[in-house]
Amino acid sequence: MESARQMFQNNAVQYHGLLNQGATCYLNSVLQVMFMTKDFTEAVERYTSENPDTEGIDRHLKTLFDDLKGYTTYTYNITKKLCIDRVYEQQDAAEYFEKILNLTSSEASQIFHGLLTHRTKCSTCLTETDTDGAFWHLPLALVNSYSEHYSVVDGIEEYFRTTEFSGENQMYCEHCDDKSDATTQSVIKHHPEVLMLLLKRFEFSYCYMTYVKINCIVDVPCILQIPENQTYELYAVVDHVGDHRSGHYTATIKDDERWYNFNDSRVSLVRLITNFSV
């Protein structure tokens, strides 16, 4: 977060942290977001209540959430269920967010579940071809944003913008049985209750032959409107400092008009002066 965010200690903070097993901050941050997502927590509780003998991850999430209501706790059962053996190796938070959702009951995971339509239109015969695909997050590429500000609002507009293909980039049309000019566009067919955006800060550098991080400042609005007049309010941010080999994850989450920073076992009250910049 930028300097616009000021953090201060408060002995009255009502939330509790998660112990780091070595380098499991990525998992701790994701689990705190899930815990603070009320509808998700309630769905997990309902499922485990109706299915008390379940061996799925919901049971372990329910136990973890119950513990978090009272004290700082550990994530051993979750890491075991996710087959995380090398707890001293950093992993990708978004990847494990999805892994947990894929193992969670549909009643709980559907809160983050969206359906995207990829639409292709032939400019010659005007035939439209739709391909649907499920998604847990929308990826926003930060390429060419070095040393600049990146706006999530602009990124969303770019993501849903119509792309034209012509000349050497013409697309094959089955109806015309030939290549022709065409347009493509992504449209959300089913809006998730909670929308997760993935900022793609890493890209492969052929100069260094490794992945490098794009460290531009990203402006995140507190209210985001996407096409078809669907509005989302920001309530959680998972932030990463470091490079693709090492670093540290934290989560900043809003509850009851207050923001809290979850840094493994430490939870602090946060005062926000302006919109988020990460």
C-alpha atoms as a PDB file:
ATOM      1  CA  MET A   1       0.000   0.000   0.000  1.00  0.00           C
ATOM      2  CA  GLU A   2       1.104   3.563  -0.576  1.00  0.00           C
ATOM      3  CA  SER A   3       1.926   6.060   2.141  1.00  0.00           C
ATOM      4  CA  ALA A   4      -1.683   7.264   1.929  1.00  0.00           C
ATOM      5  CA  ARG A   5      -2.471   4.336   4.174  1.00  0.00           C
ATOM      6  CA  GLN A   6      -1.537   4.795   7.813  1.00  0.00           C
ATOM      7  CA  MET A   7      -1.395   1.886  10.225  1.00  0.00           C
ATOM      8  CA  PHE A   8      -1.629   2.075  13.967  1.00  0.00           C
ATOM      9  CA  GLN A   9      -1.852  -0.343  16.855  1.00  0.00           C
ATOM     10  CA  ASN A  10      -5.158  -0.863  18.585  1.00  0.00           C
ATOM     11  CA  ASN A  11      -5.528  -3.214  21.503  1.00  0.00           C
ATOM     12  CA  ALA A  12      -9.231  -3.490  20.773  1.00  0.00           C
ATOM     13  CA  VAL A  13      -8.755  -5.189  17.374  1.00  0.00           C
ATOM     14  CA  GLN A  14     -11.269  -8.026  17.399  1.00  0.00           C
ATOM     15  CA  TYR A  15      -9.690 -10.259  14.769  1.00  0.00           C
ATOM     16  CA  HIS A  16      -6.965 -12.853  15.069  1.00  0.00           C
ATOM     17  CA  GLY A  17      -4.085 -13.919  12.886  1.00  0.00           C
ATOM     18  CA  LEU A  18      -2.704 -17.139  11.446  1.00  0.00           C
ATOM     19  CA  LEU A  19       0.691 -18.568  12.332  1.00  0.00           C
ATOM     20  CA  ASN A  20       3.211 -18.742   9.498  1.00  0.00           C
ATOM     21  CA  GLN A  21       4.614 -22.252   9.046  1.00  0.00           C
ATOM     22  CA  GLY A  22       7.655 -20.935   7.203  1.00  0.00           C
ATOM     23  CA  ALA A  23       6.573 -19.179   4.025  1.00  0.00           C
ATOM     24  CA  THR A  24       2.820 -19.774   4.110  1.00  0.00           C
ATOM     25  CA  CYS A  25       1.882 -16.094   4.167  1.00  0.00           C
ATOM     26  CA  TYR A  26       0.260 -16.588   0.749  1.00  0.00           C
ATOM     27  CA  LEU A  27      -2.129 -19.140   2.265  1.00  0.00           C
ATOM     28  CA  ASN A  28      -2.756 -17.094   5.413  1.00  0.00           C
ATOM     29  CA  SER A  29      -3.764 -14.062   3.353  1.00  0.00           C
ATOM     30  CA  VAL A  30      -6.174 -16.065   1.201  1.00  0.00           C
ATOM     31  CA  LEU A  31      -7.764 -17.793   4.197  1.00  0.00           C
ATOM     32  CA  GLN A  32      -8.311 -14.487   5.976  1.00  0.00           C
ATOM     33  CA  VAL A  33     -10.143 -13.121   2.924  1.00  0.00           C
ATOM     34  CA  MET A  34     -12.331 -16.227   2.862  1.00  0.00           C
ATOM     35  CA  PHE A  35     -12.997 -15.966   6.582  1.00  0.00           C
ATOM     36  CA  MET A  36     -13.983 -12.317   6.263  1.00  0.00           C
ATOM     37  CA  THR A  37     -16.312 -13.074   3.343  1.00  0.00           C
ATOM     38  CA  LYS A  38     -19.488 -13.561   5.364  1.00  0.00           C
ATOM     39  CA  ASP A  39     -21.517 -15.385   2.725  1.00  0.00           C
ATOM     40  CA  PHE A  40     -18.677 -17.842   2.128  1.00  0.00           C
ATOM     41  CA  THR A  41     -18.209 -18.536   5.833  1.00  0.00           C
ATOM     42  CA  GLU A  42     -21.947 -19.069   6.311  1.00  0.00           C
ATOM     43  CA  ALA A  43     -22.097 -21.401   3.303  1.00  0.00           C
ATOM     44  CA  VAL A  44     -19.250 -23.502   4.722  1.00  0.00           C
ATOM     45  CA  GLU A  45     -21.039 -23.675   8.071  1.00  0.00           C
ATOM     46  CA  ARG A  46     -24.324 -24.746   6.433  1.00  0.00           C
ATOM     47  CA  TYR A  47     -22.655 -27.420   4.348  1.00  0.00           C
ATOM     48  CA  THR A  48     -20.749 -28.960   7.250  1.00  0.00           C
ATOM     49  CA  SER A  49     -23.873 -28.848   9.413  1.00  0.00           C
ATOM     50  CA  GLU A  50     -25.870 -30.703   6.758  1.00  0.00           C
ATOM     51  CA  ASN A  51     -22.964 -33.051   5.960  1.00  0.00           C
ATOM     52  CA  PRO A  52     -21.273 -33.735   9.321  1.00  0.00           C
ATOM     53  CA  ASP A  53     -19.302 -36.713   7.986  1.00  0.00           C
ATOM     54  CA  THR A  54     -17.748 -34.869   5.058  1.00  0.00           C
ATOM     55  CA  GLU A  55     -14.050 -35.441   4.482  1.00  0.00           C
ATOM     56  CA  GLY A  56     -13.785 -32.422   2.205  1.00  0.00           C
ATOM     57  CA  ILE A  57     -11.914 -29.219   2.875  1.00  0.00           C
ATOM     58  CA  ASP A  58     -15.105 -27.544   4.128  1.00  0.00           C
ATOM     59  CA  ARG A  59     -14.732 -29.392   7.425  1.00  0.00           C
ATOM     60  CA  HIS A  60     -11.217 -28.052   7.924  1.00  0.00           C
ATOM     61  CA  LEU A  61     -12.271 -24.555   6.892  1.00  0.00           C
ATOM     62  CA  LYS A  62     -15.129 -24.674   9.403  1.00  0.00           C
ATOM     63  CA  THR A  63     -12.715 -25.648  12.194  1.00  0.00           C
ATOM     64  CA  LEU A  64     -10.265 -22.930  11.171  1.00  0.00           C
ATOM     65  CA  PHE A  65     -12.980 -20.268  11.016  1.00  0.00           C
ATOM     66  CA  ASP A  66     -14.283 -21.284  14.445  1.00  0.00           C
ATOM     67  CA  ASP A  67     -10.760 -21.003  15.864  1.00  0.00           C
ATOM     68  CA  LEU A  68     -10.196 -17.595  14.268  1.00  0.00           C
ATOM     69  CA  LYS A  69     -13.226 -16.251  16.086  1.00  0.00           C
ATOM     70  CA  GLY A  70     -11.415 -16.737  19.374  1.00  0.00           C
ATOM     71  CA  TYR A  71      -7.653 -16.781  18.980  1.00  0.00           C
ATOM     72  CA  THR A  72      -4.600 -16.873  16.719  1.00  0.00           C
ATOM     73  CA  THR A  73      -4.412 -20.323  15.204  1.00  0.00           C
ATOM     74  CA  TYR A  74      -2.510 -22.511  12.745  1.00  0.00           C
ATOM     75  CA  THR A  75      -3.210 -23.926   9.277  1.00  0.00           C
ATOM     76  CA  TYR A  76      -1.725 -27.422   9.558  1.00  0.00           C
ATOM     77  CA  ASN A  77      -4.912 -29.230   8.534  1.00  0.00           C
ATOM     78  CA  ILE A  78      -5.386 -26.950   5.542  1.00  0.00           C
ATOM     79  CA  THR A  79      -1.812 -27.358   4.278  1.00  0.00           C
ATOM     80  CA  LYS A  80      -2.163 -31.130   4.681  1.00  0.00           C
ATOM     81  CA  LYS A  81      -5.432 -31.160   2.724  1.00  0.00           C
ATOM     82  CA  LEU A  82      -3.808 -29.070  -0.021  1.00  0.00           C
ATOM     83  CA  CYS A  83      -0.764 -31.392  -0.056  1.00  0.00           C
ATOM     84  CA  ILE A  84       1.583 -28.516   0.785  1.00  0.00           C
ATOM     85  CA  ASP A  85       4.724 -30.310   1.961  1.00  0.00           C
ATOM     86  CA  ARG A  86       7.329 -27.604   1.393  1.00  0.00           C
ATOM     87  CA  VAL A  87       6.019 -24.915   3.694  1.00  0.00           C
ATOM     88  CA  TYR A  88       9.249 -22.908   3.384  1.00  0.00           C
ATOM     89  CA  GLU A  89       8.688 -22.274  -0.327  1.00  0.00           C
ATOM     90  CA  GLN A  90       6.676 -19.279  -1.486  1.00  0.00           C
ATOM     91  CA  GLN A  91       3.665 -20.068  -3.662  1.00  0.00           C
ATOM     92  CA  ASP A  92       1.184 -17.944  -5.592  1.00  0.00           C
ATOM     93  CA  ALA A  93      -1.755 -16.690  -3.528  1.00  0.00           C
ATOM     94  CA  ALA A  94      -4.207 -16.605  -6.456  1.00  0.00           C
ATOM     95  CA  GLU A  95      -3.306 -20.169  -7.413  1.00  0.00           C
ATOM     96  CA  TYR A  96      -4.102 -21.440  -3.922  1.00  0.00           C
ATOM     97  CA  PHE A  97      -7.263 -19.363  -3.722  1.00  0.00           C
ATOM     98  CA  GLU A  98      -8.474 -21.319  -6.738  1.00  0.00           C
ATOM     99  CA  LYS A  99      -7.233 -24.646  -5.376  1.00  0.00           C
ATOM    100  CA  ILE A 100      -9.286 -24.154  -2.234  1.00  0.00           C
ATOM    101  CA  LEU A 101     -12.380 -23.145  -4.215  1.00  0.00           C
ATOM    102  CA  ASN A 102     -12.029 -26.222  -6.441  1.00  0.00           C
ATOM    103  CA  LEU A 103     -12.065 -28.422  -3.334  1.00  0.00           C
ATOM    104  CA  THR A 104     -14.851 -26.552  -1.565  1.00  0.00           C
ATOM    105  CA  SER A 105     -18.523 -27.491  -1.773  1.00  0.00           C
ATOM    106  CA  SER A 106     -20.380 -25.870  -4.661  1.00  0.00           C
ATOM    107  CA  GLU A 107     -22.665 -24.073  -2.207  1.00  0.00           C
ATOM    108  CA  ALA A 108     -19.680 -22.138  -0.874  1.00  0.00           C
ATOM    109  CA  SER A 109     -17.528 -21.807  -3.995  1.00  0.00           C
ATOM    110  CA  GLN A 110     -20.372 -20.512  -6.182  1.00  0.00           C
ATOM    111  CA  ILE A 111     -20.033 -17.155  -4.413  1.00  0.00           C
ATOM    112  CA  PHE A 112     -16.799 -16.581  -6.378  1.00  0.00           C
ATOM    113  CA  HIS A 113     -17.927 -18.430  -9.521  1.00  0.00           C
ATOM    114  CA  GLY A 114     -18.506 -16.520 -12.738  1.00  0.00           C
ATOM    115  CA  LEU A 115     -19.256 -17.445 -16.340  1.00  0.00           C
ATOM    116  CA  LEU A 116     -17.564 -15.634 -19.213  1.00  0.00           C
ATOM    117  CA  THR A 117     -18.670 -15.676 -22.853  1.00  0.00           C
ATOM    118  CA  HIS A 118     -15.998 -15.216 -25.520  1.00  0.00           C
ATOM    119  CA  ARG A 119     -17.855 -13.909 -28.590  1.00  0.00           C
ATOM    120  CA  THR A 120     -16.436 -13.944 -32.120  1.00  0.00           C
ATOM    121  CA  LYS A 121     -18.270 -12.131 -34.935  1.00  0.00           C
ATOM    122  CA  CYS A 122     -17.486 -12.487 -38.627  1.00  0.00           C
ATOM    123  CA  SER A 123     -17.515  -9.097 -40.318  1.00  0.00           C
ATOM    124  CA  THR A 124     -18.559 -10.672 -43.635  1.00  0.00           C
ATOM    125  CA  CYS A 125     -21.547 -12.872 -42.776  1.00  0.00           C
ATOM    126  CA  LEU A 126     -22.132 -11.362 -39.308  1.00  0.00           C
ATOM    127  CA  THR A 127     -22.306 -14.838 -37.757  1.00  0.00           C
ATOM    128  CA  GLU A 128     -21.625 -14.805 -34.014  1.00  0.00           C
ATOM    129  CA  THR A 129     -19.964 -17.718 -32.251  1.00  0.00           C
ATOM    130  CA  ASP A 130     -20.090 -17.891 -28.458  1.00  0.00           C
ATOM    131  CA  THR A 131     -17.824 -19.982 -26.250  1.00  0.00           C
ATOM    132  CA  ASP A 132     -18.576 -20.077 -22.528  1.00  0.00           C
ATOM    133  CA  GLY A 133     -16.005 -20.633 -19.813  1.00  0.00           C
ATOM    134  CA  ALA A 134     -16.134 -20.586 -16.018  1.00  0.00           C
ATOM    135  CA  PHE A 135     -13.787 -18.305 -14.097  1.00  0.00           C
ATOM    136  CA  TRP A 136     -12.721 -17.613 -10.523  1.00  0.00           C
ATOM    137  CA  HIS A 137     -10.960 -14.358 -11.366  1.00  0.00           C
ATOM    138  CA  LEU A 138     -10.473 -11.846 -14.171  1.00  0.00           C
ATOM    139  CA  PRO A 139      -6.776 -11.394 -15.079  1.00  0.00           C
ATOM    140  CA  LEU A 140      -5.619  -7.845 -15.744  1.00  0.00           C
ATOM    141  CA  ALA A 141      -2.297  -7.584 -17.584  1.00  0.00           C
ATOM    142  CA  LEU A 142       0.079  -4.856 -16.400  1.00  0.00           C
ATOM    143  CA  VAL A 143       2.410  -5.166 -19.403  1.00  0.00           C
ATOM    144  CA  ASN A 144       3.995  -1.873 -20.509  1.00  0.00           C
ATOM    145  CA  SER A 145       3.180  -0.284 -17.157  1.00  0.00           C
ATOM    146  CA  TYR A 146       6.771   0.091 -15.924  1.00  0.00           C
ATOM    147  CA  SER A 147       7.296   3.175 -13.733  1.00  0.00           C
ATOM    148  CA  GLU A 148       3.769   4.321 -14.433  1.00  0.00           C
ATOM    149  CA  HIS A 149       0.381   4.288 -12.776  1.00  0.00           C
ATOM    150  CA  TYR A 150      -1.992   1.515 -13.753  1.00  0.00           C
ATOM    151  CA  SER A 151      -5.723   2.035 -13.334  1.00  0.00           C
ATOM    152  CA  VAL A 152      -7.955  -0.947 -12.601  1.00  0.00           C
ATOM    153  CA  VAL A 153     -10.838   0.990 -14.162  1.00  0.00           C
ATOM    154  CA  ASP A 154      -8.874   1.323 -17.410  1.00  0.00           C
ATOM    155  CA  GLY A 155      -7.843  -2.322 -17.165  1.00  0.00           C
ATOM    156  CA  ILE A 156     -11.464  -3.460 -16.930  1.00  0.00           C
ATOM    157  CA  GLU A 157     -12.398  -1.315 -19.921  1.00  0.00           C
ATOM    158  CA  GLU A 158      -9.530  -2.847 -21.887  1.00  0.00           C
ATOM    159  CA  TYR A 159     -10.517  -6.381 -20.854  1.00  0.00           C
ATOM    160  CA  PHE A 160     -14.055  -6.013 -22.207  1.00  0.00           C
ATOM    161  CA  ARG A 161     -13.141  -3.887 -25.220  1.00  0.00           C
ATOM    162  CA  THR A 162     -13.977  -5.223 -28.688  1.00  0.00           C
ATOM    163  CA  THR A 163     -10.846  -6.356 -30.563  1.00  0.00           C
ATOM    164  CA  GLU A 164     -10.696  -6.186 -34.360  1.00  0.00           C
ATOM    165  CA  PHE A 165      -8.806  -8.683 -36.531  1.00  0.00           C
ATOM    166  CA  SER A 166      -8.007  -7.815 -40.136  1.00  0.00           C
ATOM    167  CA  GLY A 167      -5.297  -8.134 -42.774  1.00  0.00           C
ATOM    168  CA  GLU A 168      -2.760 -10.777 -41.782  1.00  0.00           C
ATOM    169  CA  ASN A 169      -4.708 -11.334 -38.565  1.00  0.00           C
ATOM    170  CA  GLN A 170      -7.969 -12.351 -40.219  1.00  0.00           C
ATOM    171  CA  MET A 171      -9.827 -15.239 -38.593  1.00  0.00           C
ATOM    172  CA  TYR A 172     -11.272 -18.332 -40.235  1.00  0.00           C
ATOM    173  CA  CYS A 173     -15.082 -18.390 -40.468  1.00  0.00           C
ATOM    174  CA  GLU A 174     -16.724 -21.803 -40.819  1.00  0.00           C
ATOM    175  CA  HIS A 175     -19.859 -20.262 -42.309  1.00  0.00           C
ATOM    176  CA  CYS A 176     -17.899 -18.416 -45.020  1.00  0.00           C
ATOM    177  CA  ASP A 177     -15.344 -21.247 -45.271  1.00  0.00           C
ATOM    178  CA  ASP A 178     -12.681 -18.599 -45.601  1.00  0.00           C
ATOM    179  CA  LYS A 179     -10.641 -16.118 -43.636  1.00  0.00           C
ATOM    180  CA  SER A 180     -12.307 -12.787 -43.008  1.00  0.00           C
ATOM    181  CA  ASP A 181     -12.191  -9.719 -40.820  1.00  0.00           C
ATOM    182  CA  ALA A 182     -13.670 -10.387 -37.404  1.00  0.00           C
ATOM    183  CA  THR A 183     -14.157  -8.973 -33.938  1.00  0.00           C
ATOM    184  CA  THR A 184     -13.884 -10.640 -30.549  1.00  0.00           C
ATOM    185  CA  GLN A 185     -15.236  -9.566 -27.203  1.00  0.00           C
ATOM    186  CA  SER A 186     -15.587 -11.004 -23.722  1.00  0.00           C
ATOM    187  CA  VAL A 187     -18.933 -10.696 -21.955  1.00  0.00           C
ATOM    188  CA  ILE A 188     -19.816 -11.807 -18.439  1.00  0.00           C
ATOM    189  CA  LYS A 189     -22.757 -14.203 -18.734  1.00  0.00           C
ATOM    190  CA  HIS A 190     -23.023 -14.833 -15.000  1.00  0.00           C
ATOM    191  CA  HIS A 191     -21.680 -12.236 -12.581  1.00  0.00           C
ATOM    192  CA  PRO A 192     -20.150 -13.743  -9.441  1.00  0.00           C
ATOM    193  CA  GLU A 193     -21.391 -12.494  -6.101  1.00  0.00           C
ATOM    194  CA  VAL A 194     -17.785 -11.660  -5.247  1.00  0.00           C
ATOM    195  CA  LEU A 195     -15.529 -10.623  -8.128  1.00  0.00           C
ATOM    196  CA  MET A 196     -11.821 -11.390  -7.820  1.00  0.00           C
ATOM    197  CA  LEU A 197      -9.346  -9.473  -9.986  1.00  0.00           C
ATOM    198  CA  LEU A 198      -5.833 -10.809 -10.577  1.00  0.00           C
ATOM    199  CA  LEU A 199      -3.166  -8.201 -11.289  1.00  0.00           C
ATOM    200  CA  LYS A 200      -0.598  -9.948 -13.483  1.00  0.00           C
ATOM    201  CA  ARG A 201       2.560  -8.263 -12.216  1.00  0.00           C
ATOM    202  CA  PHE A 202       4.997 -10.871 -13.518  1.00  0.00           C
ATOM    203  CA  GLU A 203       6.081 -11.347 -17.118  1.00  0.00           C
ATOM    204  CA  PHE A 204       8.914 -13.326 -18.664  1.00  0.00           C
ATOM    205  CA  SER A 205      11.951 -11.255 -19.652  1.00  0.00           C
ATOM    206  CA  TYR A 206      13.966 -12.690 -22.541  1.00  0.00           C
ATOM    207  CA  CYS A 207      16.710 -10.240 -21.611  1.00  0.00           C
ATOM    208  CA  TYR A 208      17.158 -11.738 -18.144  1.00  0.00           C
ATOM    209  CA  MET A 209      15.612 -15.147 -19.005  1.00  0.00           C
ATOM    210  CA  THR A 210      13.476 -15.065 -15.905  1.00  0.00           C
ATOM    211  CA  TYR A 211      10.225 -13.605 -14.665  1.00  0.00           C
ATOM    212  CA  VAL A 212      10.401  -9.961 -13.631  1.00  0.00           C
ATOM    213  CA  LYS A 213       7.921  -8.019 -11.563  1.00  0.00           C
ATOM    214  CA  ILE A 214       6.150  -4.928 -12.861  1.00  0.00           C
ATOM    215  CA  ASN A 215       6.350  -2.551  -9.903  1.00  0.00           C
ATOM    216  CA  CYS A 216       4.051   0.183 -11.159  1.00  0.00           C
ATOM    217  CA  ILE A 217       1.540   1.753  -8.780  1.00  0.00           C
ATOM    218  CA  VAL A 218      -1.941   0.332  -9.281  1.00  0.00           C
ATOM    219  CA  ASP A 219      -4.920   2.543  -8.502  1.00  0.00           C
ATOM    220  CA  VAL A 220      -7.844   0.478  -7.211  1.00  0.00           C
ATOM    221  CA  PRO A 221     -11.255   2.173  -6.907  1.00  0.00           C
ATOM    222  CA  CYS A 222     -13.422   1.523  -3.869  1.00  0.00           C
ATOM    223  CA  ILE A 223     -16.420   1.166  -6.198  1.00  0.00           C
ATOM    224  CA  LEU A 224     -15.990  -0.607  -9.536  1.00  0.00           C
ATOM    225  CA  GLN A 225     -18.589  -0.759 -12.277  1.00  0.00           C
ATOM    226  CA  ILE A 226     -18.138  -3.273 -15.037  1.00  0.00           C
ATOM    227  CA  PRO A 227     -20.138  -3.660 -18.273  1.00  0.00           C
ATOM    228  CA  GLU A 228     -23.877  -4.297 -18.025  1.00  0.00           C
ATOM    229  CA  ASN A 229     -24.075  -1.988 -15.013  1.00  0.00           C
ATOM    230  CA  GLN A 230     -22.821  -4.512 -12.465  1.00  0.00           C
ATOM    231  CA  THR A 231     -21.263  -2.722  -9.478  1.00  0.00           C
ATOM    232  CA  TYR A 232     -18.811  -4.137  -6.950  1.00  0.00           C
ATOM    233  CA  GLU A 233     -17.512  -2.586  -3.729  1.00  0.00           C
ATOM    234  CA  LEU A 234     -13.917  -3.216  -2.713  1.00  0.00           C
ATOM    235  CA  TYR A 235     -13.581  -5.066   0.595  1.00  0.00           C
ATOM    236  CA  ALA A 236     -10.321  -7.009   0.359  1.00  0.00           C
ATOM    237  CA  VAL A 237      -6.855  -6.697  -1.176  1.00  0.00           C
ATOM    238  CA  VAL A 238      -4.096  -9.322  -1.111  1.00  0.00           C
ATOM    239  CA  ASP A 239      -0.772  -7.538  -1.562  1.00  0.00           C
ATOM    240  CA  HIS A 240       2.687  -8.921  -2.386  1.00  0.00           C
ATOM    241  CA  VAL A 241       6.144  -7.431  -1.887  1.00  0.00           C
ATOM    242  CA  GLY A 242       9.258  -9.042  -3.315  1.00  0.00           C
ATOM    243  CA  ASP A 243       9.940 -10.989  -6.513  1.00  0.00           C
ATOM    244  CA  HIS A 244       8.604 -14.229  -7.995  1.00  0.00           C
ATOM    245  CA  ARG A 245      11.057 -16.347  -6.001  1.00  0.00           C
ATOM    246  CA  SER A 246      10.552 -14.777  -2.597  1.00  0.00           C
ATOM    247  CA  GLY A 247       8.588 -12.082  -0.847  1.00  0.00           C
ATOM    248  CA  HIS A 248       5.701 -11.646   1.511  1.00  0.00           C
ATOM    249  CA  TYR A 249       1.907 -11.593   1.247  1.00  0.00           C
ATOM    250  CA  THR A 250      -0.513  -9.670   3.449  1.00  0.00           C
ATOM    251  CA  ALA A 251      -4.246  -9.027   3.248  1.00  0.00           C
ATOM    252  CA  THR A 252      -6.078  -5.775   3.918  1.00  0.00           C
ATOM    253  CA  ILE A 253      -9.785  -6.336   4.547  1.00  0.00           C
ATOM    254  CA  LYS A 254     -12.750  -4.113   5.261  1.00  0.00           C
ATOM    255  CA  ASP A 255     -15.387  -4.933   7.863  1.00  0.00           C
ATOM    256  CA  ASP A 256     -18.002  -2.645   9.382  1.00  0.00           C
ATOM    257  CA  GLU A 257     -16.484   0.412   7.645  1.00  0.00           C
ATOM    258  CA  ARG A 258     -13.041  -0.290   9.111  1.00  0.00           C
ATOM    259  CA  TRP A 259     -10.000  -1.712   7.383  1.00  0.00           C
ATOM    260  CA  TYR A 260      -7.665  -4.271   8.948  1.00  0.00           C
ATOM    261  CA  ASN A 261      -4.258  -5.506   7.861  1.00  0.00           C
ATOM    262  CA  PHE A 262      -3.702  -9.247   8.294  1.00  0.00           C
ATOM    263  CA  ASN A 263       0.028  -9.963   8.410  1.00  0.00           C
ATOM    264  CA  ASP A 264       0.269 -13.619   9.454  1.00  0.00           C
ATOM    265  CA  SER A 265      -0.232 -13.664  13.246  1.00  0.00           C
ATOM    266  CA  ARG A 266      -0.420  -9.863  13.480  1.00  0.00           C
ATOM    267  CA  VAL A 267      -3.664  -7.971  12.861  1.00  0.00           C
ATOM    268  CA  SER A 268      -3.693  -4.171  12.845  1.00  0.00           C
ATOM    269  CA  LEU A 269      -6.357  -1.549  12.341  1.00  0.00           C
ATOM    270  CA  VAL A 270      -5.724   0.531   9.219  1.00  0.00           C
ATOM    271  CA  ARG A 271      -6.793   4.082   8.434  1.00  0.00           C
ATOM    272  CA  LEU A 272      -7.377   4.813   4.758  1.00  0.00           C
ATOM    273  CA  ILE A 273      -7.076   8.434   3.647  1.00  0.00           C
ATOM    274  CA  THR A 274      -7.498   7.958  -0.108  1.00  0.00           C
ATOM    275  CA  ASN A 275      -8.395   5.207  -2.536  1.00  0.00           C
ATOM    276  CA  PHE A 276      -6.202   2.156  -2.592  1.00  0.00           C
ATOM    277  CA  SER A 277      -2.930   2.134  -4.463  1.00  0.00           C
ATOM    278  CA  VAL A 278      -0.977  -1.120  -4.462  1.00  0.00           C
END
